[in-house]
Amino acid sequence: TAHPRQDYLGIEVHGPGVGALCKLLAE
């Protein structure tokens, strides 16, 4: 959010963590 001119590829194997980030991205 603070650096909109950069792109971020996040890697995580933990399902709840992936779901939590998806929620943050949507909101």
mmCIF file of all heavy atoms, coordinates in Angstrom:
data_MODEL
# 
_entry.id   MODEL 
# 
loop_
_atom_site.group_PDB 
_atom_site.id 
_atom_site.type_symbol 
_atom_site.label_atom_id 
_atom_site.label_alt_id 
_atom_site.label_comp_id 
_atom_site.label_asym_id 
_atom_site.label_entity_id 
_atom_site.label_seq_id 
_atom_site.pdbx_PDB_ins_code 
_atom_site.Cartn_x 
_atom_site.Cartn_y 
_atom_site.Cartn_z 
_atom_site.occupancy 
_atom_site.B_iso_or_equiv 
_atom_site.pdbx_formal_charge 
_atom_site.auth_seq_id 
_atom_site.auth_comp_id 
_atom_site.auth_asym_id 
_atom_site.auth_atom_id 
_atom_site.pdbx_PDB_model_num 
ATOM 1   N N   . THR A 1 1  ? 0.828   -1.207  0.000   1.00 0.00 ? 1  THR A N   1 
ATOM 2   C CA  . THR A 1 1  ? 0.000   0.000   0.000   1.00 0.00 ? 1  THR A CA  1 
ATOM 3   C C   . THR A 1 1  ? 0.859   1.252   0.000   1.00 0.00 ? 1  THR A C   1 
ATOM 4   O O   . THR A 1 1  ? 0.553   2.232   -0.684  1.00 0.00 ? 1  THR A O   1 
ATOM 5   C CB  . THR A 1 1  ? -0.933  0.003   1.229   1.00 0.00 ? 1  THR A CB  1 
ATOM 6   O OG1 . THR A 1 1  ? -1.798  -1.135  1.165   1.00 0.00 ? 1  THR A OG1 1 
ATOM 7   C CG2 . THR A 1 1  ? -1.769  1.265   1.274   1.00 0.00 ? 1  THR A CG2 1 
ATOM 8   N N   . ALA A 1 2  ? 1.942   1.221   0.758   1.00 0.00 ? 2  ALA A N   1 
ATOM 9   C CA  . ALA A 1 2  ? 2.811   2.387   0.872   1.00 0.00 ? 2  ALA A CA  1 
ATOM 10  C C   . ALA A 1 2  ? 3.697   2.585   -0.347  1.00 0.00 ? 2  ALA A C   1 
ATOM 11  O O   . ALA A 1 2  ? 4.244   3.682   -0.542  1.00 0.00 ? 2  ALA A O   1 
ATOM 12  C CB  . ALA A 1 2  ? 3.679   2.268   2.122   1.00 0.00 ? 2  ALA A CB  1 
ATOM 13  N N   . HIS A 1 3  ? 3.834   1.539   -1.180  1.00 0.00 ? 3  HIS A N   1 
ATOM 14  C CA  . HIS A 1 3  ? 4.733   1.624   -2.342  1.00 0.00 ? 3  HIS A CA  1 
ATOM 15  C C   . HIS A 1 3  ? 4.000   1.133   -3.591  1.00 0.00 ? 3  HIS A C   1 
ATOM 16  O O   . HIS A 1 3  ? 4.306   0.070   -4.142  1.00 0.00 ? 3  HIS A O   1 
ATOM 17  C CB  . HIS A 1 3  ? 5.998   0.806   -2.090  1.00 0.00 ? 3  HIS A CB  1 
ATOM 18  C CG  . HIS A 1 3  ? 6.795   1.281   -0.907  1.00 0.00 ? 3  HIS A CG  1 
ATOM 19  N ND1 . HIS A 1 3  ? 6.537   0.844   0.384   1.00 0.00 ? 3  HIS A ND1 1 
ATOM 20  C CD2 . HIS A 1 3  ? 7.814   2.167   -0.811  1.00 0.00 ? 3  HIS A CD2 1 
ATOM 21  C CE1 . HIS A 1 3  ? 7.376   1.445   1.215   1.00 0.00 ? 3  HIS A CE1 1 
ATOM 22  N NE2 . HIS A 1 3  ? 8.166   2.249   0.521   1.00 0.00 ? 3  HIS A NE2 1 
ATOM 23  N N   . PRO A 1 4  ? 3.041   1.907   -4.072  1.00 0.00 ? 4  PRO A N   1 
ATOM 24  C CA  . PRO A 1 4  ? 2.216   1.461   -5.203  1.00 0.00 ? 4  PRO A CA  1 
ATOM 25  C C   . PRO A 1 4  ? 2.972   1.343   -6.520  1.00 0.00 ? 4  PRO A C   1 
ATOM 26  O O   . PRO A 1 4  ? 2.459   0.715   -7.455  1.00 0.00 ? 4  PRO A O   1 
ATOM 27  C CB  . PRO A 1 4  ? 1.124   2.530   -5.279  1.00 0.00 ? 4  PRO A CB  1 
ATOM 28  C CG  . PRO A 1 4  ? 1.751   3.758   -4.670  1.00 0.00 ? 4  PRO A CG  1 
ATOM 29  C CD  . PRO A 1 4  ? 2.631   3.241   -3.578  1.00 0.00 ? 4  PRO A CD  1 
ATOM 30  N N   . ARG A 1 5  ? 4.151   1.920   -6.609  1.00 0.00 ? 5  ARG A N   1 
ATOM 31  C CA  . ARG A 1 5  ? 4.920   1.844   -7.856  1.00 0.00 ? 5  ARG A CA  1 
ATOM 32  C C   . ARG A 1 5  ? 5.806   0.605   -7.928  1.00 0.00 ? 5  ARG A C   1 
ATOM 33  O O   . ARG A 1 5  ? 6.549   0.430   -8.889  1.00 0.00 ? 5  ARG A O   1 
ATOM 34  C CB  . ARG A 1 5  ? 5.769   3.111   -8.032  1.00 0.00 ? 5  ARG A CB  1 
ATOM 35  C CG  . ARG A 1 5  ? 4.937   4.373   -8.206  1.00 0.00 ? 5  ARG A CG  1 
ATOM 36  C CD  . ARG A 1 5  ? 5.803   5.581   -8.481  1.00 0.00 ? 5  ARG A CD  1 
ATOM 37  N NE  . ARG A 1 5  ? 4.996   6.783   -8.678  1.00 0.00 ? 5  ARG A NE  1 
ATOM 38  C CZ  . ARG A 1 5  ? 5.493   7.993   -8.932  1.00 0.00 ? 5  ARG A CZ  1 
ATOM 39  N NH1 . ARG A 1 5  ? 6.824   8.143   -9.018  1.00 0.00 ? 5  ARG A NH1 1 
ATOM 40  N NH2 . ARG A 1 5  ? 4.694   9.028   -9.090  1.00 0.00 ? 5  ARG A NH2 1 
ATOM 41  N N   . GLN A 1 6  ? 5.734   -0.244  -6.914  1.00 0.00 ? 6  GLN A N   1 
ATOM 42  C CA  . GLN A 1 6  ? 6.452   -1.510  -6.899  1.00 0.00 ? 6  GLN A CA  1 
ATOM 43  C C   . GLN A 1 6  ? 5.457   -2.653  -6.832  1.00 0.00 ? 6  GLN A C   1 
ATOM 44  O O   . GLN A 1 6  ? 4.352   -2.503  -6.314  1.00 0.00 ? 6  GLN A O   1 
ATOM 45  C CB  . GLN A 1 6  ? 7.434   -1.569  -5.723  1.00 0.00 ? 6  GLN A CB  1 
ATOM 46  C CG  . GLN A 1 6  ? 8.498   -0.490  -5.779  1.00 0.00 ? 6  GLN A CG  1 
ATOM 47  C CD  . GLN A 1 6  ? 9.489   -0.547  -4.641  1.00 0.00 ? 6  GLN A CD  1 
ATOM 48  O OE1 . GLN A 1 6  ? 10.605  -0.077  -4.762  1.00 0.00 ? 6  GLN A OE1 1 
ATOM 49  N NE2 . GLN A 1 6  ? 9.093   -1.114  -3.515  1.00 0.00 ? 6  GLN A NE2 1 
ATOM 50  N N   . ASP A 1 7  ? 5.848   -3.797  -7.358  1.00 0.00 ? 7  ASP A N   1 
ATOM 51  C CA  . ASP A 1 7  ? 5.008   -4.988  -7.344  1.00 0.00 ? 7  ASP A CA  1 
ATOM 52  C C   . ASP A 1 7  ? 5.588   -6.016  -6.384  1.00 0.00 ? 7  ASP A C   1 
ATOM 53  O O   . ASP A 1 7  ? 6.823   -6.175  -6.304  1.00 0.00 ? 7  ASP A O   1 
ATOM 54  C CB  . ASP A 1 7  ? 4.905   -5.599  -8.741  1.00 0.00 ? 7  ASP A CB  1 
ATOM 55  C CG  . ASP A 1 7  ? 4.132   -4.716  -9.699  1.00 0.00 ? 7  ASP A CG  1 
ATOM 56  O OD1 . ASP A 1 7  ? 3.236   -3.981  -9.249  1.00 0.00 ? 7  ASP A OD1 1 
ATOM 57  O OD2 . ASP A 1 7  ? 4.427   -4.750  -10.913 1.00 0.00 ? 7  ASP A OD2 1 
ATOM 58  N N   . TYR A 1 8  ? 4.711   -6.763  -5.695  1.00 0.00 ? 8  TYR A N   1 
ATOM 59  C CA  . TYR A 1 8  ? 5.123   -7.695  -4.657  1.00 0.00 ? 8  TYR A CA  1 
ATOM 60  C C   . TYR A 1 8  ? 4.550   -9.083  -4.931  1.00 0.00 ? 8  TYR A C   1 
ATOM 61  O O   . TYR A 1 8  ? 3.334   -9.241  -5.074  1.00 0.00 ? 8  TYR A O   1 
ATOM 62  C CB  . TYR A 1 8  ? 4.670   -7.191  -3.281  1.00 0.00 ? 8  TYR A CB  1 
ATOM 63  C CG  . TYR A 1 8  ? 5.338   -5.888  -2.916  1.00 0.00 ? 8  TYR A CG  1 
ATOM 64  C CD1 . TYR A 1 8  ? 4.797   -4.669  -3.338  1.00 0.00 ? 8  TYR A CD1 1 
ATOM 65  C CD2 . TYR A 1 8  ? 6.535   -5.869  -2.214  1.00 0.00 ? 8  TYR A CD2 1 
ATOM 66  C CE1 . TYR A 1 8  ? 5.432   -3.467  -3.042  1.00 0.00 ? 8  TYR A CE1 1 
ATOM 67  C CE2 . TYR A 1 8  ? 7.170   -4.674  -1.911  1.00 0.00 ? 8  TYR A CE2 1 
ATOM 68  C CZ  . TYR A 1 8  ? 6.618   -3.477  -2.330  1.00 0.00 ? 8  TYR A CZ  1 
ATOM 69  O OH  . TYR A 1 8  ? 7.261   -2.299  -2.045  1.00 0.00 ? 8  TYR A OH  1 
ATOM 70  N N   . LEU A 1 9  ? 5.441   -10.056 -4.997  1.00 0.00 ? 9  LEU A N   1 
ATOM 71  C CA  . LEU A 1 9  ? 5.047   -11.450 -5.148  1.00 0.00 ? 9  LEU A CA  1 
ATOM 72  C C   . LEU A 1 9  ? 5.266   -12.135 -3.811  1.00 0.00 ? 9  LEU A C   1 
ATOM 73  O O   . LEU A 1 9  ? 6.410   -12.324 -3.382  1.00 0.00 ? 9  LEU A O   1 
ATOM 74  C CB  . LEU A 1 9  ? 5.867   -12.133 -6.240  1.00 0.00 ? 9  LEU A CB  1 
ATOM 75  C CG  . LEU A 1 9  ? 5.625   -13.637 -6.437  1.00 0.00 ? 9  LEU A CG  1 
ATOM 76  C CD1 . LEU A 1 9  ? 4.175   -13.917 -6.794  1.00 0.00 ? 9  LEU A CD1 1 
ATOM 77  C CD2 . LEU A 1 9  ? 6.566   -14.196 -7.506  1.00 0.00 ? 9  LEU A CD2 1 
ATOM 78  N N   . GLY A 1 10 ? 4.179   -12.485 -3.127  1.00 0.00 ? 10 GLY A N   1 
ATOM 79  C CA  . GLY A 1 10 ? 4.278   -13.107 -1.813  1.00 0.00 ? 10 GLY A CA  1 
ATOM 80  C C   . GLY A 1 10 ? 4.134   -14.607 -1.906  1.00 0.00 ? 10 GLY A C   1 
ATOM 81  O O   . GLY A 1 10 ? 3.237   -15.114 -2.591  1.00 0.00 ? 10 GLY A O   1 
ATOM 82  N N   . ILE A 1 11 ? 4.995   -15.324 -1.203  1.00 0.00 ? 11 ILE A N   1 
ATOM 83  C CA  . ILE A 1 11 ? 4.963   -16.781 -1.181  1.00 0.00 ? 11 ILE A CA  1 
ATOM 84  C C   . ILE A 1 11 ? 4.701   -17.235 0.247   1.00 0.00 ? 11 ILE A C   1 
ATOM 85  O O   . ILE A 1 11 ? 5.388   -16.817 1.179   1.00 0.00 ? 11 ILE A O   1 
ATOM 86  C CB  . ILE A 1 11 ? 6.288   -17.380 -1.687  1.00 0.00 ? 11 ILE A CB  1 
ATOM 87  C CG1 . ILE A 1 11 ? 6.573   -16.921 -3.127  1.00 0.00 ? 11 ILE A CG1 1 
ATOM 88  C CG2 . ILE A 1 11 ? 6.251   -18.907 -1.624  1.00 0.00 ? 11 ILE A CG2 1 
ATOM 89  C CD1 . ILE A 1 11 ? 7.904   -17.408 -3.666  1.00 0.00 ? 11 ILE A CD1 1 
ATOM 90  N N   . GLU A 1 12 ? 3.709   -18.101 0.407   1.00 0.00 ? 12 GLU A N   1 
ATOM 91  C CA  . GLU A 1 12 ? 3.355   -18.624 1.725   1.00 0.00 ? 12 GLU A CA  1 
ATOM 92  C C   . GLU A 1 12 ? 2.687   -19.982 1.540   1.00 0.00 ? 12 GLU A C   1 
ATOM 93  O O   . GLU A 1 12 ? 1.867   -20.149 0.637   1.00 0.00 ? 12 GLU A O   1 
ATOM 94  C CB  . GLU A 1 12 ? 2.408   -17.655 2.450   1.00 0.00 ? 12 GLU A CB  1 
ATOM 95  C CG  . GLU A 1 12 ? 1.898   -18.134 3.790   1.00 0.00 ? 12 GLU A CG  1 
ATOM 96  C CD  . GLU A 1 12 ? 3.015   -18.398 4.781   1.00 0.00 ? 12 GLU A CD  1 
ATOM 97  O OE1 . GLU A 1 12 ? 3.752   -17.453 5.129   1.00 0.00 ? 12 GLU A OE1 1 
ATOM 98  O OE2 . GLU A 1 12 ? 3.147   -19.567 5.191   1.00 0.00 ? 12 GLU A OE2 1 
ATOM 99  N N   . VAL A 1 13 ? 3.047   -20.956 2.381   1.00 0.00 ? 13 VAL A N   1 
ATOM 100 C CA  . VAL A 1 13 ? 2.466   -22.288 2.269   1.00 0.00 ? 13 VAL A CA  1 
ATOM 101 C C   . VAL A 1 13 ? 1.279   -22.485 3.210   1.00 0.00 ? 13 VAL A C   1 
ATOM 102 O O   . VAL A 1 13 ? 0.547   -23.471 3.094   1.00 0.00 ? 13 VAL A O   1 
ATOM 103 C CB  . VAL A 1 13 ? 3.526   -23.385 2.536   1.00 0.00 ? 13 VAL A CB  1 
ATOM 104 C CG1 . VAL A 1 13 ? 4.602   -23.338 1.465   1.00 0.00 ? 13 VAL A CG1 1 
ATOM 105 C CG2 . VAL A 1 13 ? 4.142   -23.246 3.924   1.00 0.00 ? 13 VAL A CG2 1 
ATOM 106 N N   . HIS A 1 14 ? 1.067   -21.567 4.124   1.00 0.00 ? 14 HIS A N   1 
ATOM 107 C CA  . HIS A 1 14 ? 0.064   -21.696 5.178   1.00 0.00 ? 14 HIS A CA  1 
ATOM 108 C C   . HIS A 1 14 ? -1.278  -21.179 4.671   1.00 0.00 ? 14 HIS A C   1 
ATOM 109 O O   . HIS A 1 14 ? -1.440  -19.984 4.408   1.00 0.00 ? 14 HIS A O   1 
ATOM 110 C CB  . HIS A 1 14 ? 0.539   -20.892 6.384   1.00 0.00 ? 14 HIS A CB  1 
ATOM 111 C CG  . HIS A 1 14 ? -0.301  -21.025 7.596   1.00 0.00 ? 14 HIS A CG  1 
ATOM 112 N ND1 . HIS A 1 14 ? -0.617  -19.948 8.402   1.00 0.00 ? 14 HIS A ND1 1 
ATOM 113 C CD2 . HIS A 1 14 ? -0.893  -22.099 8.162   1.00 0.00 ? 14 HIS A CD2 1 
ATOM 114 C CE1 . HIS A 1 14 ? -1.353  -20.356 9.418   1.00 0.00 ? 14 HIS A CE1 1 
ATOM 115 N NE2 . HIS A 1 14 ? -1.543  -21.649 9.297   1.00 0.00 ? 14 HIS A NE2 1 
ATOM 116 N N   . GLY A 1 15 ? -2.268  -22.061 4.541   1.00 0.00 ? 15 GLY A N   1 
ATOM 117 C CA  . GLY A 1 15 ? -3.550  -21.688 3.973   1.00 0.00 ? 15 GLY A CA  1 
ATOM 118 C C   . GLY A 1 15 ? -4.244  -20.527 4.666   1.00 0.00 ? 15 GLY A C   1 
ATOM 119 O O   . GLY A 1 15 ? -4.684  -19.581 3.995   1.00 0.00 ? 15 GLY A O   1 
ATOM 120 N N   . PRO A 1 16 ? -4.387  -20.539 5.998   1.00 0.00 ? 16 PRO A N   1 
ATOM 121 C CA  . PRO A 1 16 ? -5.017  -19.396 6.663   1.00 0.00 ? 16 PRO A CA  1 
ATOM 122 C C   . PRO A 1 16 ? -4.291  -18.077 6.413   1.00 0.00 ? 16 PRO A C   1 
ATOM 123 O O   . PRO A 1 16 ? -4.927  -17.022 6.318   1.00 0.00 ? 16 PRO A O   1 
ATOM 124 C CB  . PRO A 1 16 ? -4.968  -19.798 8.144   1.00 0.00 ? 16 PRO A CB  1 
ATOM 125 C CG  . PRO A 1 16 ? -5.019  -21.291 8.115   1.00 0.00 ? 16 PRO A CG  1 
ATOM 126 C CD  . PRO A 1 16 ? -4.193  -21.683 6.918   1.00 0.00 ? 16 PRO A CD  1 
ATOM 127 N N   . GLY A 1 17 ? -2.959  -18.120 6.295   1.00 0.00 ? 17 GLY A N   1 
ATOM 128 C CA  . GLY A 1 17 ? -2.216  -16.905 5.979   1.00 0.00 ? 17 GLY A CA  1 
ATOM 129 C C   . GLY A 1 17 ? -2.540  -16.389 4.593   1.00 0.00 ? 17 GLY A C   1 
ATOM 130 O O   . GLY A 1 17 ? -2.682  -15.178 4.376   1.00 0.00 ? 17 GLY A O   1 
ATOM 131 N N   . VAL A 1 18 ? -2.661  -17.304 3.630   1.00 0.00 ? 18 VAL A N   1 
ATOM 132 C CA  . VAL A 1 18 ? -3.034  -16.904 2.270   1.00 0.00 ? 18 VAL A CA  1 
ATOM 133 C C   . VAL A 1 18 ? -4.427  -16.290 2.287   1.00 0.00 ? 18 VAL A C   1 
ATOM 134 O O   . VAL A 1 18 ? -4.674  -15.247 1.670   1.00 0.00 ? 18 VAL A O   1 
ATOM 135 C CB  . VAL A 1 18 ? -2.976  -18.117 1.320   1.00 0.00 ? 18 VAL A CB  1 
ATOM 136 C CG1 . VAL A 1 18 ? -3.542  -17.749 -0.053  1.00 0.00 ? 18 VAL A CG1 1 
ATOM 137 C CG2 . VAL A 1 18 ? -1.536  -18.614 1.182   1.00 0.00 ? 18 VAL A CG2 1 
ATOM 138 N N   . GLY A 1 19 ? -5.353  -16.924 3.013   1.00 0.00 ? 19 GLY A N   1 
ATOM 139 C CA  . GLY A 1 19 ? -6.697  -16.373 3.107   1.00 0.00 ? 19 GLY A CA  1 
ATOM 140 C C   . GLY A 1 19 ? -6.709  -15.004 3.761   1.00 0.00 ? 19 GLY A C   1 
ATOM 141 O O   . GLY A 1 19 ? -7.447  -14.098 3.341   1.00 0.00 ? 19 GLY A O   1 
ATOM 142 N N   . ALA A 1 20 ? -5.885  -14.819 4.797   1.00 0.00 ? 20 ALA A N   1 
ATOM 143 C CA  . ALA A 1 20 ? -5.830  -13.534 5.497   1.00 0.00 ? 20 ALA A CA  1 
ATOM 144 C C   . ALA A 1 20 ? -5.307  -12.437 4.580   1.00 0.00 ? 20 ALA A C   1 
ATOM 145 O O   . ALA A 1 20 ? -5.830  -11.315 4.572   1.00 0.00 ? 20 ALA A O   1 
ATOM 146 C CB  . ALA A 1 20 ? -4.956  -13.654 6.742   1.00 0.00 ? 20 ALA A CB  1 
ATOM 147 N N   . LEU A 1 21 ? -4.268  -12.741 3.790   1.00 0.00 ? 21 LEU A N   1 
ATOM 148 C CA  . LEU A 1 21 ? -3.753  -11.726 2.878   1.00 0.00 ? 21 LEU A CA  1 
ATOM 149 C C   . LEU A 1 21 ? -4.773  -11.425 1.780   1.00 0.00 ? 21 LEU A C   1 
ATOM 150 O O   . LEU A 1 21 ? -4.941  -10.261 1.385   1.00 0.00 ? 21 LEU A O   1 
ATOM 151 C CB  . LEU A 1 21 ? -2.425  -12.170 2.266   1.00 0.00 ? 21 LEU A CB  1 
ATOM 152 C CG  . LEU A 1 21 ? -1.805  -11.177 1.267   1.00 0.00 ? 21 LEU A CG  1 
ATOM 153 C CD1 . LEU A 1 21 ? -1.633  -9.791  1.877   1.00 0.00 ? 21 LEU A CD1 1 
ATOM 154 C CD2 . LEU A 1 21 ? -0.464  -11.695 0.751   1.00 0.00 ? 21 LEU A CD2 1 
ATOM 155 N N   . CYS A 1 22 ? -5.458  -12.449 1.284   1.00 0.00 ? 22 CYS A N   1 
ATOM 156 C CA  . CYS A 1 22 ? -6.507  -12.209 0.287   1.00 0.00 ? 22 CYS A CA  1 
ATOM 157 C C   . CYS A 1 22 ? -7.551  -11.235 0.840   1.00 0.00 ? 22 CYS A C   1 
ATOM 158 O O   . CYS A 1 22 ? -8.022  -10.340 0.120   1.00 0.00 ? 22 CYS A O   1 
ATOM 159 C CB  . CYS A 1 22 ? -7.171  -13.520 -0.102  1.00 0.00 ? 22 CYS A CB  1 
ATOM 160 S SG  . CYS A 1 22 ? -6.194  -14.562 -1.202  1.00 0.00 ? 22 CYS A SG  1 
ATOM 161 N N   . LYS A 1 23 ? -7.917  -11.401 2.092   1.00 0.00 ? 23 LYS A N   1 
ATOM 162 C CA  . LYS A 1 23 ? -8.883  -10.499 2.726   1.00 0.00 ? 23 LYS A CA  1 
ATOM 163 C C   . LYS A 1 23 ? -8.346  -9.077  2.784   1.00 0.00 ? 23 LYS A C   1 
ATOM 164 O O   . LYS A 1 23 ? -9.061  -8.109  2.467   1.00 0.00 ? 23 LYS A O   1 
ATOM 165 C CB  . LYS A 1 23 ? -9.207  -11.008 4.137   1.00 0.00 ? 23 LYS A CB  1 
ATOM 166 C CG  . LYS A 1 23 ? -10.271 -10.219 4.886   1.00 0.00 ? 23 LYS A CG  1 
ATOM 167 C CD  . LYS A 1 23 ? -10.589 -10.926 6.214   1.00 0.00 ? 23 LYS A CD  1 
ATOM 168 C CE  . LYS A 1 23 ? -11.738 -10.237 6.958   1.00 0.00 ? 23 LYS A CE  1 
ATOM 169 N NZ  . LYS A 1 23 ? -11.328 -8.926  7.482   1.00 0.00 ? 23 LYS A NZ  1 
ATOM 170 N N   . LEU A 1 24 ? -7.094  -8.919  3.161   1.00 0.00 ? 24 LEU A N   1 
ATOM 171 C CA  . LEU A 1 24 ? -6.492  -7.587  3.225   1.00 0.00 ? 24 LEU A CA  1 
ATOM 172 C C   . LEU A 1 24 ? -6.422  -6.934  1.847   1.00 0.00 ? 24 LEU A C   1 
ATOM 173 O O   . LEU A 1 24 ? -6.660  -5.731  1.709   1.00 0.00 ? 24 LEU A O   1 
ATOM 174 C CB  . LEU A 1 24 ? -5.089  -7.686  3.831   1.00 0.00 ? 24 LEU A CB  1 
ATOM 175 C CG  . LEU A 1 24 ? -5.009  -8.065  5.307   1.00 0.00 ? 24 LEU A CG  1 
ATOM 176 C CD1 . LEU A 1 24 ? -3.558  -8.342  5.710   1.00 0.00 ? 24 LEU A CD1 1 
ATOM 177 C CD2 . LEU A 1 24 ? -5.610  -6.980  6.185   1.00 0.00 ? 24 LEU A CD2 1 
ATOM 178 N N   . LEU A 1 25 ? -6.102  -7.714  0.831   1.00 0.00 ? 25 LEU A N   1 
ATOM 179 C CA  . LEU A 1 25 ? -6.016  -7.163  -0.529  1.00 0.00 ? 25 LEU A CA  1 
ATOM 180 C C   . LEU A 1 25 ? -7.380  -6.692  -1.004  1.00 0.00 ? 25 LEU A C   1 
ATOM 181 O O   . LEU A 1 25 ? -7.503  -5.636  -1.633  1.00 0.00 ? 25 LEU A O   1 
ATOM 182 C CB  . LEU A 1 25 ? -5.469  -8.220  -1.490  1.00 0.00 ? 25 LEU A CB  1 
ATOM 183 C CG  . LEU A 1 25 ? -4.054  -8.737  -1.229  1.00 0.00 ? 25 LEU A CG  1 
ATOM 184 C CD1 . LEU A 1 25 ? -3.629  -9.724  -2.321  1.00 0.00 ? 25 LEU A CD1 1 
ATOM 185 C CD2 . LEU A 1 25 ? -3.046  -7.602  -1.134  1.00 0.00 ? 25 LEU A CD2 1 
ATOM 186 N N   . ALA A 1 26 ? -8.417  -7.486  -0.706  1.00 0.00 ? 26 ALA A N   1 
ATOM 187 C CA  . ALA A 1 26 ? -9.761  -7.117  -1.134  1.00 0.00 ? 26 ALA A CA  1 
ATOM 188 C C   . ALA A 1 26 ? -10.255 -5.883  -0.390  1.00 0.00 ? 26 ALA A C   1 
ATOM 189 O O   . ALA A 1 26 ? -10.780 -4.935  -1.002  1.00 0.00 ? 26 ALA A O   1 
ATOM 190 C CB  . ALA A 1 26 ? -10.714 -8.290  -0.922  1.00 0.00 ? 26 ALA A CB  1 
ATOM 191 N N   . GLU A 1 27 ? -10.084 -5.880  0.917   1.00 0.00 ? 27 GLU A N   1 
ATOM 192 C CA  . GLU A 1 27 ? -10.591 -4.763  1.720   1.00 0.00 ? 27 GLU A CA  1 
ATOM 193 C C   . GLU A 1 27 ? -9.843  -3.468  1.428   1.00 0.00 ? 27 GLU A C   1 
ATOM 194 O O   . GLU A 1 27 ? -10.424 -2.382  1.474   1.00 0.00 ? 27 GLU A O   1 
ATOM 195 C CB  . GLU A 1 27 ? -10.482 -5.111  3.198   1.00 0.00 ? 27 GLU A CB  1 
ATOM 196 C CG  . GLU A 1 27 ? -11.431 -6.218  3.645   1.00 0.00 ? 27 GLU A CG  1 
ATOM 197 C CD  . GLU A 1 27 ? -11.269 -6.585  5.099   1.00 0.00 ? 27 GLU A CD  1 
ATOM 198 O OE1 . GLU A 1 27 ? -10.213 -6.269  5.695   1.00 0.00 ? 27 GLU A OE1 1 
ATOM 199 O OE2 . GLU A 1 27 ? -12.208 -7.198  5.650   1.00 0.00 ? 27 GLU A OE2 1 
# 
